[in-house]
PDB file of N, CA and C in Angstrom:
ATOM      1  N   MET A   1      -6.801 -19.133  12.676  1.00  0.00           N
ATOM      2  CA  MET A   1      -5.892 -18.016  12.501  1.00  0.00           C
ATOM      3  C   MET A   1      -6.682 -16.713  12.574  1.00  0.00           C
ATOM      4  N   LYS A   2      -6.090 -15.721  13.220  1.00  0.00           N
ATOM      5  CA  LYS A   2      -6.722 -14.409  13.356  1.00  0.00           C
ATOM      6  C   LYS A   2      -5.881 -13.347  12.658  1.00  0.00           C
ATOM      7  N   ILE A   3      -6.583 -12.387  12.049  1.00  0.00           N
ATOM      8  CA  ILE A   3      -5.936 -11.200  11.523  1.00  0.00           C
ATOM      9  C   ILE A   3      -6.664  -9.981  12.076  1.00  0.00           C
ATOM     10  N   ALA A   4      -6.005  -8.851  12.029  1.00  0.00           N
ATOM     11  CA  ALA A   4      -6.614  -7.598  12.476  1.00  0.00           C
ATOM     12  C   ALA A   4      -6.592  -6.608  11.321  1.00  0.00           C
ATOM     13  N   VAL A   5      -7.593  -5.744  11.294  1.00  0.00           N
ATOM     14  CA  VAL A   5      -7.674  -4.691  10.288  1.00  0.00           C
ATOM     15  C   VAL A   5      -7.975  -3.393  11.027  1.00  0.00           C
ATOM     16  N   THR A   6      -7.244  -2.331  10.710  1.00  0.00           N
ATOM     17  CA  THR A   6      -7.538  -1.039  11.325  1.00  0.00           C
ATOM     18  C   THR A   6      -8.885  -0.550  10.811  1.00  0.00           C
ATOM     19  N   ALA A   7      -9.718  -0.059  11.709  1.00  0.00           N
ATOM     20  CA  ALA A   7     -11.085   0.312  11.346  1.00  0.00           C
ATOM     21  C   ALA A   7     -11.406   1.742  11.741  1.00  0.00           C
ATOM     22  N   SER A   8     -12.079   2.457  10.842  1.00  0.00           N
ATOM     23  CA  SER A   8     -12.453   3.842  11.120  1.00  0.00           C
ATOM     24  C   SER A   8     -13.642   3.924  12.075  1.00  0.00           C
ATOM     25  N   ASN A   9     -14.482   2.884  12.101  1.00  0.00           N
ATOM     26  CA  ASN A   9     -15.536   2.791  13.113  1.00  0.00           C
ATOM     27  C   ASN A   9     -15.858   1.312  13.323  1.00  0.00           C
ATOM     28  N   ASN A  10     -16.768   1.039  14.227  1.00  0.00           N
ATOM     29  CA  ASN A  10     -17.033  -0.353  14.592  1.00  0.00           C
ATOM     30  C   ASN A  10     -18.438  -0.806  14.210  1.00  0.00           C
ATOM     31  N   SER A  11     -18.971  -0.239  13.127  1.00  0.00           N
ATOM     32  CA  SER A  11     -20.349  -0.560  12.752  1.00  0.00           C
ATOM     33  C   SER A  11     -20.483  -1.873  11.989  1.00  0.00           C
ATOM     34  N   ASP A  12     -19.637  -2.067  10.963  1.00  0.00           N
ATOM     35  CA  ASP A  12     -19.717  -3.302  10.177  1.00  0.00           C
ATOM     36  C   ASP A  12     -18.493  -3.418   9.281  1.00  0.00           C
ATOM     37  N   LEU A  13     -18.477  -4.427   8.445  1.00  0.00           N
ATOM     38  CA  LEU A  13     -17.314  -4.685   7.589  1.00  0.00           C
ATOM     39  C   LEU A  13     -17.288  -3.823   6.339  1.00  0.00           C
ATOM     40  N   ASN A  14     -18.311  -3.017   6.116  1.00  0.00           N
ATOM     41  CA  ASN A  14     -18.348  -2.167   4.930  1.00  0.00           C
ATOM     42  C   ASN A  14     -17.720  -0.796   5.158  1.00  0.00           C
ATOM     43  N   VAL A  15     -17.153  -0.570   6.328  1.00  0.00           N
ATOM     44  CA  VAL A  15     -16.476   0.701   6.586  1.00  0.00           C
ATOM     45  C   VAL A  15     -15.068   0.652   5.992  1.00  0.00           C
ATOM     46  N   LYS A  16     -14.557   1.829   5.693  1.00  0.00           N
ATOM     47  CA  LYS A  16     -13.186   1.924   5.174  1.00  0.00           C
ATOM     48  C   LYS A  16     -12.192   1.593   6.274  1.00  0.00           C
ATOM     49  N   ILE A  17     -11.085   1.004   5.858  1.00  0.00           N
ATOM     50  CA  ILE A  17     -10.025   0.803   6.839  1.00  0.00           C
ATOM     51  C   ILE A  17      -9.492   2.172   7.233  1.00  0.00           C
ATOM     52  N   ASP A  18      -8.973   2.266   8.433  1.00  0.00           N
ATOM     53  CA  ASP A  18      -8.339   3.505   8.864  1.00  0.00           C
ATOM     54  C   ASP A  18      -6.880   3.402   8.432  1.00  0.00           C
ATOM     55  N   PRO A  19      -6.326   4.423   7.784  1.00  0.00           N
ATOM     56  CA  PRO A  19      -4.953   4.332   7.291  1.00  0.00           C
ATOM     57  C   PRO A  19      -3.887   4.360   8.382  1.00  0.00           C
ATOM     58  N   ARG A  20      -4.277   4.760   9.583  1.00  0.00           N
ATOM     59  CA  ARG A  20      -3.311   4.873  10.683  1.00  0.00           C
ATOM     60  C   ARG A  20      -3.342   3.600  11.516  1.00  0.00           C
ATOM     61  N   PHE A  21      -2.201   3.109  11.876  1.00  0.00           N
ATOM     62  CA  PHE A  21      -2.159   1.937  12.748  1.00  0.00           C
ATOM     63  C   PHE A  21      -2.313   2.354  14.208  1.00  0.00           C
ATOM     64  N   GLY A  22      -1.378   3.131  14.706  1.00  0.00           N
ATOM     65  CA  GLY A  22      -1.371   3.481  16.128  1.00  0.00           C
ATOM     66  C   GLY A  22      -2.532   4.327  16.581  1.00  0.00           C
ATOM     67  N   ARG A  23      -3.107   5.101  15.682  1.00  0.00           N
ATOM     68  CA  ARG A  23      -4.185   6.022  16.045  1.00  0.00           C
ATOM     69  C   ARG A  23      -5.533   5.645  15.422  1.00  0.00           C
ATOM     70  N   ALA A  24      -5.624   4.460  14.864  1.00  0.00           N
ATOM     71  CA  ALA A  24      -6.922   3.998  14.357  1.00  0.00           C
ATOM     72  C   ALA A  24      -7.889   3.889  15.527  1.00  0.00           C
ATOM     73  N   PRO A  25      -9.129   4.291  15.353  1.00  0.00           N
ATOM     74  CA  PRO A  25     -10.079   4.217  16.465  1.00  0.00           C
ATOM     75  C   PRO A  25     -10.371   2.787  16.929  1.00  0.00           C
ATOM     76  N   TYR A  26     -10.403   1.853  15.969  1.00  0.00           N
ATOM     77  CA  TYR A  26     -10.768   0.474  16.295  1.00  0.00           C
ATOM     78  C   TYR A  26      -9.913  -0.510  15.505  1.00  0.00           C
ATOM     79  N   PHE A  27      -9.936  -1.742  15.969  1.00  0.00           N
ATOM     80  CA  PHE A  27      -9.378  -2.862  15.218  1.00  0.00           C
ATOM     81  C   PHE A  27     -10.491  -3.879  15.031  1.00  0.00           C
ATOM     82  N   ALA A  28     -10.632  -4.362  13.805  1.00  0.00           N
ATOM     83  CA  ALA A  28     -11.531  -5.493  13.550  1.00  0.00           C
ATOM     84  C   ALA A  28     -10.662  -6.742  13.674  1.00  0.00           C
ATOM     85  N   ILE A  29     -11.017  -7.633  14.576  1.00  0.00           N
ATOM     86  CA  ILE A  29     -10.286  -8.882  14.765  1.00  0.00           C
ATOM     87  C   ILE A  29     -11.104  -9.982  14.095  1.00  0.00           C
ATOM     88  N   ILE A  30     -10.519 -10.588  13.081  1.00  0.00           N
ATOM     89  CA  ILE A  30     -11.234 -11.586  12.296  1.00  0.00           C
ATOM     90  C   ILE A  30     -10.619 -12.953  12.524  1.00  0.00           C
ATOM     91  N   ASP A  31     -11.437 -13.898  12.970  1.00  0.00           N
ATOM     92  CA  ASP A  31     -11.011 -15.286  13.103  1.00  0.00           C
ATOM     93  C   ASP A  31     -11.335 -15.964  11.776  1.00  0.00           C
ATOM     94  N   LEU A  32     -10.316 -16.265  10.996  1.00  0.00           N
ATOM     95  CA  LEU A  32     -10.525 -16.823   9.664  1.00  0.00           C
ATOM     96  C   LEU A  32     -11.009 -18.270   9.688  1.00  0.00           C
ATOM     97  N   ASN A  33     -10.930 -18.927  10.826  1.00  0.00           N
ATOM     98  CA  ASN A  33     -11.425 -20.299  10.925  1.00  0.00           C
ATOM     99  C   ASN A  33     -12.943 -20.363  10.903  1.00  0.00           C
ATOM    100  N   ASN A  34     -13.589 -19.306  11.429  1.00  0.00           N
ATOM    101  CA  ASN A  34     -15.052 -19.319  11.473  1.00  0.00           C
ATOM    102  C   ASN A  34     -15.667 -17.991  11.006  1.00  0.00           C
ATOM    103  N   ASP A  35     -14.838 -17.087  10.481  1.00  0.00           N
ATOM    104  CA  ASP A  35     -15.268 -15.769   9.987  1.00  0.00           C
ATOM    105  C   ASP A  35     -15.939 -14.914  11.053  1.00  0.00           C
ATOM    106  N   LYS A  36     -15.653 -15.180  12.312  1.00  0.00           N
ATOM    107  CA  LYS A  36     -16.180 -14.357  13.401  1.00  0.00           C
ATOM    108  C   LYS A  36     -15.390 -13.048  13.455  1.00  0.00           C
ATOM    109  N   VAL A  37     -16.111 -11.956  13.637  1.00  0.00           N
ATOM    110  CA  VAL A  37     -15.492 -10.637  13.690  1.00  0.00           C
ATOM    111  C   VAL A  37     -15.831  -9.971  15.015  1.00  0.00           C
ATOM    112  N   ASP A  38     -14.811  -9.451  15.667  1.00  0.00           N
ATOM    113  CA  ASP A  38     -14.990  -8.658  16.883  1.00  0.00           C
ATOM    114  C   ASP A  38     -14.283  -7.330  16.671  1.00  0.00           C
ATOM    115  N   PHE A  39     -14.955  -6.246  16.999  1.00  0.00           N
ATOM    116  CA  PHE A  39     -14.318  -4.934  16.969  1.00  0.00           C
ATOM    117  C   PHE A  39     -13.848  -4.610  18.377  1.00  0.00           C
ATOM    118  N   ILE A  40     -12.609  -4.169  18.477  1.00  0.00           N
ATOM    119  CA  ILE A  40     -12.088  -3.748  19.776  1.00  0.00           C
ATOM    120  C   ILE A  40     -11.636  -2.297  19.685  1.00  0.00           C
ATOM    121  N   ASP A  41     -11.735  -1.610  20.775  1.00  0.00           N
ATOM    122  CA  ASP A  41     -11.298  -0.225  20.867  1.00  0.00           C
ATOM    123  C   ASP A  41      -9.781  -0.184  20.888  1.00  0.00           C
ATOM    124  N   ASN A  42      -9.195   0.747  20.164  1.00  0.00           N
ATOM    125  CA  ASN A  42      -7.755   0.962  20.225  1.00  0.00           C
ATOM    126  C   ASN A  42      -7.489   1.939  21.361  1.00  0.00           C
ATOM    127  N   VAL A  43      -7.086   1.433  22.494  1.00  0.00           N
ATOM    128  CA  VAL A  43      -6.864   2.274  23.670  1.00  0.00           C
ATOM    129  C   VAL A  43      -5.706   3.250  23.475  1.00  0.00           C
ATOM    130  N   ALA A  44      -4.889   3.026  22.451  1.00  0.00           N
ATOM    131  CA  ALA A  44      -3.739   3.895  22.201  1.00  0.00           C
ATOM    132  C   ALA A  44      -4.069   5.101  21.324  1.00  0.00           C
ATOM    133  N   LYS A  45      -5.263   5.159  20.772  1.00  0.00           N
ATOM    134  CA  LYS A  45      -5.588   6.174  19.765  1.00  0.00           C
ATOM    135  C   LYS A  45      -5.395   7.611  20.245  1.00  0.00           C
ATOM    136  N   ASN A  46      -5.556   7.864  21.530  1.00  0.00           N
ATOM    137  CA  ASN A  46      -5.407   9.221  22.056  1.00  0.00           C
ATOM    138  C   ASN A  46      -4.167   9.391  22.925  1.00  0.00           C
ATOM    139  N   ALA A  47      -3.263   8.441  22.857  1.00  0.00           N
ATOM    140  CA  ALA A  47      -2.043   8.515  23.675  1.00  0.00           C
ATOM    141  C   ALA A  47      -1.216   9.734  23.282  1.00  0.00           C
ATOM    142  N   SER A  48      -0.594  10.361  24.258  1.00  0.00           N
ATOM    143  CA  SER A  48       0.224  11.540  23.962  1.00  0.00           C
ATOM    144  C   SER A  48       1.525  11.150  23.271  1.00  0.00           C
ATOM    145  N   GLY A  49       1.928   9.916  23.398  1.00  0.00           N
ATOM    146  CA  GLY A  49       3.126   9.410  22.736  1.00  0.00           C
ATOM    147  C   GLY A  49       3.129   7.898  22.776  1.00  0.00           C
ATOM    148  N   GLY A  50       3.854   7.290  21.868  1.00  0.00           N
ATOM    149  CA  GLY A  50       3.978   5.838  21.863  1.00  0.00           C
ATOM    150  C   GLY A  50       2.728   5.092  21.434  1.00  0.00           C
ATOM    151  N   ALA A  51       1.864   5.760  20.650  1.00  0.00           N
ATOM    152  CA  ALA A  51       0.607   5.128  20.243  1.00  0.00           C
ATOM    153  C   ALA A  51       0.849   3.855  19.439  1.00  0.00           C
ATOM    154  N   GLY A  52       1.826   3.879  18.554  1.00  0.00           N
ATOM    155  CA  GLY A  52       2.104   2.706  17.725  1.00  0.00           C
ATOM    156  C   GLY A  52       2.524   1.505  18.547  1.00  0.00           C
ATOM    157  N   ILE A  53       3.370   1.731  19.528  1.00  0.00           N
ATOM    158  CA  ILE A  53       3.842   0.642  20.392  1.00  0.00           C
ATOM    159  C   ILE A  53       2.684   0.093  21.222  1.00  0.00           C
ATOM    160  N   LYS A  54       1.871   0.989  21.770  1.00  0.00           N
ATOM    161  CA  LYS A  54       0.718   0.549  22.574  1.00  0.00           C
ATOM    162  C   LYS A  54      -0.298  -0.195  21.716  1.00  0.00           C
ATOM    163  N   ALA A  55      -0.539   0.285  20.495  1.00  0.00           N
ATOM    164  CA  ALA A  55      -1.469  -0.397  19.591  1.00  0.00           C
ATOM    165  C   ALA A  55      -0.919  -1.773  19.214  1.00  0.00           C
ATOM    166  N   ALA A  56       0.385  -1.854  18.996  1.00  0.00           N
ATOM    167  CA  ALA A  56       1.003  -3.148  18.659  1.00  0.00           C
ATOM    168  C   ALA A  56       0.815  -4.134  19.807  1.00  0.00           C
ATOM    169  N   GLN A  57       0.929  -3.671  21.034  1.00  0.00           N
ATOM    170  CA  GLN A  57       0.721  -4.545  22.190  1.00  0.00           C
ATOM    171  C   GLN A  57      -0.738  -5.021  22.248  1.00  0.00           C
ATOM    172  N   THR A  58      -1.664  -4.122  21.927  1.00  0.00           N
ATOM    173  CA  THR A  58      -3.076  -4.501  21.892  1.00  0.00           C
ATOM    174  C   THR A  58      -3.299  -5.614  20.880  1.00  0.00           C
ATOM    175  N   ILE A  59      -2.702  -5.475  19.706  1.00  0.00           N
ATOM    176  CA  ILE A  59      -2.818  -6.494  18.657  1.00  0.00           C
ATOM    177  C   ILE A  59      -2.176  -7.800  19.121  1.00  0.00           C
ATOM    178  N   LEU A  60      -1.029  -7.693  19.718  1.00  0.00           N
ATOM    179  CA  LEU A  60      -0.320  -8.869  20.234  1.00  0.00           C
ATOM    180  C   LEU A  60      -1.183  -9.620  21.246  1.00  0.00           C
ATOM    181  N   ASP A  61      -1.862  -8.894  22.119  1.00  0.00           N
ATOM    182  CA  ASP A  61      -2.711  -9.501  23.139  1.00  0.00           C
ATOM    183  C   ASP A  61      -3.911 -10.240  22.543  1.00  0.00           C
ATOM    184  N   GLN A  62      -4.282  -9.918  21.316  1.00  0.00           N
ATOM    185  CA  GLN A  62      -5.423 -10.566  20.659  1.00  0.00           C
ATOM    186  C   GLN A  62      -5.038 -11.876  19.971  1.00  0.00           C
ATOM    187  N   GLY A  63      -3.754 -12.174  19.921  1.00  0.00           N
ATOM    188  CA  GLY A  63      -3.310 -13.427  19.319  1.00  0.00           C
ATOM    189  C   GLY A  63      -3.422 -13.462  17.804  1.00  0.00           C
ATOM    190  N   VAL A  64      -3.305 -12.297  17.162  1.00  0.00           N
ATOM    191  CA  VAL A  64      -3.393 -12.269  15.708  1.00  0.00           C
ATOM    192  C   VAL A  64      -2.052 -12.635  15.074  1.00  0.00           C
ATOM    193  N   GLU A  65      -2.134 -13.075  13.839  1.00  0.00           N
ATOM    194  CA  GLU A  65      -0.928 -13.431  13.091  1.00  0.00           C
ATOM    195  C   GLU A  65      -0.591 -12.406  12.020  1.00  0.00           C
ATOM    196  N   GLY A  66      -1.522 -11.486  11.752  1.00  0.00           N
ATOM    197  CA  GLY A  66      -1.285 -10.472  10.738  1.00  0.00           C
ATOM    198  C   GLY A  66      -2.129  -9.245  10.985  1.00  0.00           C
ATOM    199  N   ILE A  67      -1.650  -8.102  10.482  1.00  0.00           N
ATOM    200  CA  ILE A  67      -2.378  -6.840  10.579  1.00  0.00           C
ATOM    201  C   ILE A  67      -2.471  -6.238   9.183  1.00  0.00           C
ATOM    202  N   ILE A  68      -3.667  -5.799   8.821  1.00  0.00           N
ATOM    203  CA  ILE A  68      -3.891  -5.127   7.551  1.00  0.00           C
ATOM    204  C   ILE A  68      -4.179  -3.664   7.863  1.00  0.00           C
ATOM    205  N   THR A  69      -3.361  -2.780   7.318  1.00  0.00           N
ATOM    206  CA  THR A  69      -3.488  -1.343   7.544  1.00  0.00           C
ATOM    207  C   THR A  69      -2.725  -0.623   6.447  1.00  0.00           C
ATOM    208  N   ALA A  70      -2.852   0.677   6.375  1.00  0.00           N
ATOM    209  CA  ALA A  70      -2.121   1.424   5.350  1.00  0.00           C
ATOM    210  C   ALA A  70      -0.710   1.777   5.809  1.00  0.00           C
ATOM    211  N   ASN A  71      -0.568   2.172   7.063  1.00  0.00           N
ATOM    212  CA  ASN A  71       0.714   2.696   7.523  1.00  0.00           C
ATOM    213  C   ASN A  71       1.093   2.168   8.900  1.00  0.00           C
ATOM    214  N   VAL A  72       2.347   1.744   9.015  1.00  0.00           N
ATOM    215  CA  VAL A  72       2.913   1.323  10.296  1.00  0.00           C
ATOM    216  C   VAL A  72       4.290   1.965  10.417  1.00  0.00           C
ATOM    217  N   GLY A  73       4.482   2.693  11.514  1.00  0.00           N
ATOM    218  CA  GLY A  73       5.764   3.347  11.746  1.00  0.00           C
ATOM    219  C   GLY A  73       6.819   2.386  12.259  1.00  0.00           C
ATOM    220  N   PRO A  74       8.059   2.859  12.379  1.00  0.00           N
ATOM    221  CA  PRO A  74       9.175   1.984  12.725  1.00  0.00           C
ATOM    222  C   PRO A  74       9.102   1.348  14.115  1.00  0.00           C
ATOM    223  N   LYS A  75       8.656   2.077  15.108  1.00  0.00           N
ATOM    224  CA  LYS A  75       8.608   1.510  16.464  1.00  0.00           C
ATOM    225  C   LYS A  75       7.526   0.436  16.563  1.00  0.00           C
ATOM    226  N   ALA A  76       6.355   0.720  16.011  1.00  0.00           N
ATOM    227  CA  ALA A  76       5.278  -0.275  16.016  1.00  0.00           C
ATOM    228  C   ALA A  76       5.682  -1.485  15.182  1.00  0.00           C
ATOM    229  N   PHE A  77       6.295  -1.231  14.024  1.00  0.00           N
ATOM    230  CA  PHE A  77       6.711  -2.341  13.168  1.00  0.00           C
ATOM    231  C   PHE A  77       7.696  -3.248  13.905  1.00  0.00           C
ATOM    232  N   ASP A  78       8.604  -2.660  14.655  1.00  0.00           N
ATOM    233  CA  ASP A  78       9.591  -3.444  15.399  1.00  0.00           C
ATOM    234  C   ASP A  78       8.908  -4.381  16.398  1.00  0.00           C
ATOM    235  N   VAL A  79       7.903  -3.869  17.123  1.00  0.00           N
ATOM    236  CA  VAL A  79       7.170  -4.702  18.080  1.00  0.00           C
ATOM    237  C   VAL A  79       6.444  -5.834  17.352  1.00  0.00           C
ATOM    238  N   LEU A  80       5.760  -5.499  16.268  1.00  0.00           N
ATOM    239  CA  LEU A  80       5.026  -6.510  15.504  1.00  0.00           C
ATOM    240  C   LEU A  80       5.965  -7.550  14.910  1.00  0.00           C
ATOM    241  N   ASP A  81       7.078  -7.086  14.371  1.00  0.00           N
ATOM    242  CA  ASP A  81       8.054  -7.987  13.752  1.00  0.00           C
ATOM    243  C   ASP A  81       8.637  -8.960  14.774  1.00  0.00           C
ATOM    244  N   LYS A  82       8.993  -8.454  15.945  1.00  0.00           N
ATOM    245  CA  LYS A  82       9.551  -9.319  16.993  1.00  0.00           C
ATOM    246  C   LYS A  82       8.538 -10.351  17.479  1.00  0.00           C
ATOM    247  N   ALA A  83       7.257 -10.044  17.348  1.00  0.00           N
ATOM    248  CA  ALA A  83       6.193 -10.973  17.751  1.00  0.00           C
ATOM    249  C   ALA A  83       5.748 -11.861  16.579  1.00  0.00           C
ATOM    250  N   SER A  84       6.434 -11.741  15.453  1.00  0.00           N
ATOM    251  CA  SER A  84       6.123 -12.520  14.235  1.00  0.00           C
ATOM    252  C   SER A  84       4.723 -12.231  13.690  1.00  0.00           C
ATOM    253  N   ILE A  85       4.246 -11.001  13.880  1.00  0.00           N
ATOM    254  CA  ILE A  85       2.969 -10.581  13.310  1.00  0.00           C
ATOM    255  C   ILE A  85       3.275  -9.916  11.968  1.00  0.00           C
ATOM    256  N   LYS A  86       2.699 -10.452  10.918  1.00  0.00           N
ATOM    257  CA  LYS A  86       2.955  -9.955   9.575  1.00  0.00           C
ATOM    258  C   LYS A  86       2.133  -8.701   9.298  1.00  0.00           C
ATOM    259  N   VAL A  87       2.732  -7.791   8.535  1.00  0.00           N
ATOM    260  CA  VAL A  87       2.081  -6.526   8.200  1.00  0.00           C
ATOM    261  C   VAL A  87       1.768  -6.515   6.710  1.00  0.00           C
ATOM    262  N   TYR A  88       0.486  -6.256   6.398  1.00  0.00           N
ATOM    263  CA  TYR A  88       0.012  -6.207   5.020  1.00  0.00           C
ATOM    264  C   TYR A  88      -0.561  -4.823   4.749  1.00  0.00           C
ATOM    265  N   PRO A  89       0.144  -3.986   3.976  1.00  0.00           N
ATOM    266  CA  PRO A  89      -0.374  -2.649   3.700  1.00  0.00           C
ATOM    267  C   PRO A  89      -1.473  -2.681   2.642  1.00  0.00           C
ATOM    268  N   ILE A  90      -2.460  -1.836   2.843  1.00  0.00           N
ATOM    269  CA  ILE A  90      -3.584  -1.706   1.913  1.00  0.00           C
ATOM    270  C   ILE A  90      -4.165  -0.314   2.101  1.00  0.00           C
ATOM    271  N   LYS A  91      -4.718   0.267   1.054  1.00  0.00           N
ATOM    272  CA  LYS A  91      -5.274   1.619   1.147  1.00  0.00           C
ATOM    273  C   LYS A  91      -6.669   1.680   0.555  1.00  0.00           C
ATOM    274  N   GLU A  92      -7.482   2.586   1.093  1.00  0.00           N
ATOM    275  CA  GLU A  92      -8.741   2.978   0.485  1.00  0.00           C
ATOM    276  C   GLU A  92      -9.704   1.830   0.183  1.00  0.00           C
ATOM    277  N   GLU A  93      -9.755   0.861   1.022  1.00  0.00           N
ATOM    278  CA  GLU A  93     -10.689  -0.244   0.810  1.00  0.00           C
ATOM    279  C   GLU A  93     -11.499  -0.457   2.077  1.00  0.00           C
ATOM    280  N   THR A  94     -12.572  -1.190   1.928  1.00  0.00           N
ATOM    281  CA  THR A  94     -13.362  -1.529   3.101  1.00  0.00           C
ATOM    282  C   THR A  94     -12.705  -2.711   3.814  1.00  0.00           C
ATOM    283  N   ILE A  95     -13.128  -2.930   5.040  1.00  0.00           N
ATOM    284  CA  ILE A  95     -12.608  -4.073   5.784  1.00  0.00           C
ATOM    285  C   ILE A  95     -12.946  -5.366   5.050  1.00  0.00           C
ATOM    286  N   GLU A  96     -14.161  -5.465   4.554  1.00  0.00           N
ATOM    287  CA  GLU A  96     -14.575  -6.674   3.839  1.00  0.00           C
ATOM    288  C   GLU A  96     -13.703  -6.920   2.605  1.00  0.00           C
ATOM    289  N   GLU A  97     -13.421  -5.855   1.841  1.00  0.00           N
ATOM    290  CA  GLU A  97     -12.554  -5.988   0.666  1.00  0.00           C
ATOM    291  C   GLU A  97     -11.146  -6.409   1.069  1.00  0.00           C
ATOM    292  N   ALA A  98     -10.656  -5.857   2.166  1.00  0.00           N
ATOM    293  CA  ALA A  98      -9.326  -6.219   2.646  1.00  0.00           C
ATOM    294  C   ALA A  98      -9.255  -7.690   3.036  1.00  0.00           C
ATOM    295  N   ILE A  99     -10.278  -8.180   3.703  1.00  0.00           N
ATOM    296  CA  ILE A  99     -10.313  -9.589   4.103  1.00  0.00           C
ATOM    297  C   ILE A  99     -10.346 -10.492   2.870  1.00  0.00           C
ATOM    298  N   THR A 100     -11.156 -10.123   1.898  1.00  0.00           N
ATOM    299  CA  THR A 100     -11.237 -10.909   0.661  1.00  0.00           C
ATOM    300  C   THR A 100      -9.892 -10.943  -0.043  1.00  0.00           C
ATOM    301  N   ARG A 101      -9.248  -9.796  -0.155  1.00  0.00           N
ATOM    302  CA  ARG A 101      -7.923  -9.750  -0.800  1.00  0.00           C
ATOM    303  C   ARG A 101      -6.904 -10.572  -0.024  1.00  0.00           C
ATOM    304  N   TYR A 102      -6.994 -10.549   1.307  1.00  0.00           N
ATOM    305  CA  TYR A 102      -6.092 -11.373   2.121  1.00  0.00           C
ATOM    306  C   TYR A 102      -6.336 -12.857   1.852  1.00  0.00           C
ATOM    307  N   LYS A 103      -7.586 -13.278   1.882  1.00  0.00           N
ATOM    308  CA  LYS A 103      -7.922 -14.689   1.651  1.00  0.00           C
ATOM    309  C   LYS A 103      -7.505 -15.155   0.250  1.00  0.00           C
ATOM    310  N   ASN A 104      -7.549 -14.247  -0.724  1.00  0.00           N
ATOM    311  CA  ASN A 104      -7.155 -14.574  -2.096  1.00  0.00           C
ATOM    312  C   ASN A 104      -5.651 -14.446  -2.323  1.00  0.00           C
ATOM    313  N   LYS A 105      -4.915 -14.189  -1.233  1.00  0.00           N
ATOM    314  CA  LYS A 105      -3.457 -14.049  -1.273  1.00  0.00           C
ATOM    315  C   LYS A 105      -3.002 -12.930  -2.220  1.00  0.00           C
ATOM    316  N   GLU A 106      -3.784 -11.850  -2.241  1.00  0.00           N
ATOM    317  CA  GLU A 106      -3.462 -10.696  -3.084  1.00  0.00           C
ATOM    318  C   GLU A 106      -2.660  -9.629  -2.342  1.00  0.00           C
ATOM    319  N   LEU A 107      -2.519  -9.763  -1.037  1.00  0.00           N
ATOM    320  CA  LEU A 107      -1.772  -8.780  -0.251  1.00  0.00           C
ATOM    321  C   LEU A 107      -0.353  -9.275  -0.045  1.00  0.00           C
ATOM    322  N   LYS A 108       0.588  -8.364  -0.137  1.00  0.00           N
ATOM    323  CA  LYS A 108       2.001  -8.702   0.030  1.00  0.00           C
ATOM    324  C   LYS A 108       2.509  -8.192   1.372  1.00  0.00           C
ATOM    325  N   GLU A 109       3.099  -9.091   2.120  1.00  0.00           N
ATOM    326  CA  GLU A 109       3.690  -8.732   3.408  1.00  0.00           C
ATOM    327  C   GLU A 109       4.862  -7.780   3.181  1.00  0.00           C
ATOM    328  N   VAL A 110       5.004  -6.793   4.071  1.00  0.00           N
ATOM    329  CA  VAL A 110       6.151  -5.890   3.988  1.00  0.00           C
ATOM    330  C   VAL A 110       7.196  -6.299   5.024  1.00  0.00           C
ATOM    331  N   ALA A 111       8.443  -5.998   4.718  1.00  0.00           N
ATOM    332  CA  ALA A 111       9.546  -6.362   5.599  1.00  0.00           C
ATOM    333  C   ALA A 111      10.129  -5.157   6.320  1.00  0.00           C
ATOM    334  N   ALA A 112       9.464  -4.005   6.203  1.00  0.00           N
ATOM    335  CA  ALA A 112       9.957  -2.771   6.819  1.00  0.00           C
ATOM    336  C   ALA A 112       8.766  -1.855   7.094  1.00  0.00           C
ATOM    337  N   PRO A 113       8.940  -0.853   7.949  1.00  0.00           N
ATOM    338  CA  PRO A 113       7.858   0.100   8.206  1.00  0.00           C
ATOM    339  C   PRO A 113       7.386   0.756   6.910  1.00  0.00           C
ATOM    340  N   THR A 114       6.147   1.177   6.890  1.00  0.00           N
ATOM    341  CA  THR A 114       5.606   1.818   5.688  1.00  0.00           C
ATOM    342  C   THR A 114       5.718   3.338   5.729  1.00  0.00           C
ATOM    343  N   ASN A 115       6.115   3.895   6.869  1.00  0.00           N
ATOM    344  CA  ASN A 115       6.361   5.334   6.955  1.00  0.00           C
ATOM    345  C   ASN A 115       7.387   5.602   8.048  1.00  0.00           C
ATOM    346  N   ALA A 116       7.769   6.857   8.177  1.00  0.00           N
ATOM    347  CA  ALA A 116       8.815   7.234   9.106  1.00  0.00           C
ATOM    348  C   ALA A 116       8.332   7.420  10.538  1.00  0.00           C
ATOM    349  N   GLY A 117       7.041   7.254  10.765  1.00  0.00           N
ATOM    350  CA  GLY A 117       6.506   7.444  12.108  1.00  0.00           C
ATOM    351  C   GLY A 117       5.780   8.760  12.237  1.00  0.00           C
ATOM    352  N   HIS A 118       4.965   8.872  13.277  1.00  0.00           N
ATOM    353  CA  HIS A 118       4.168  10.071  13.563  1.00  0.00           C
ATOM    354  C   HIS A 118       3.220  10.418  12.431  1.00  0.00           C
ATOM    355  N   HIS A 119       2.807   9.451  11.646  1.00  0.00           N
ATOM    356  CA  HIS A 119       1.920   9.678  10.503  1.00  0.00           C
ATOM    357  C   HIS A 119       0.533  10.130  10.941  1.00  0.00           C
ATOM    358  N   GLY A 120       0.037   9.588  12.012  1.00  0.00           N
ATOM    359  CA  GLY A 120      -1.333   9.887  12.426  1.00  0.00           C
ATOM    360  C   GLY A 120      -1.482  11.121  13.278  1.00  0.00           C
ATOM    361  N   MET A 121      -0.418  11.829  13.534  1.00  0.00           N
ATOM    362  CA  MET A 121      -0.465  13.006  14.401  1.00  0.00           C
ATOM    363  C   MET A 121      -1.113  14.171  13.685  1.00  0.00           C
TER     364      MET A 121
END
């Protein structure tokens, strides 16, 4: 199983998560079966519009089952929801802390967007 975490940079797991989904600079893709981590560039981060939808497609293409981030707008949430990708909101933690909390089942899936959209603008 794979999950993704929004990342402020791609140096290591001790960086803070980026609170923005669509405009996060990177995604950390974690394969929980072997704890392998790959950082990928979020090609949508500088999009003039539709960043959340484009970022959701990037996540979808990685075959993840969940995304850990602070904020997901309604359009991105709709794409993720239709693809059965679960959204787990978290704030002010490192990627490593977020993964640990996920593995310990401390994160609660949300059933709706966490903001009204355009949060990262």
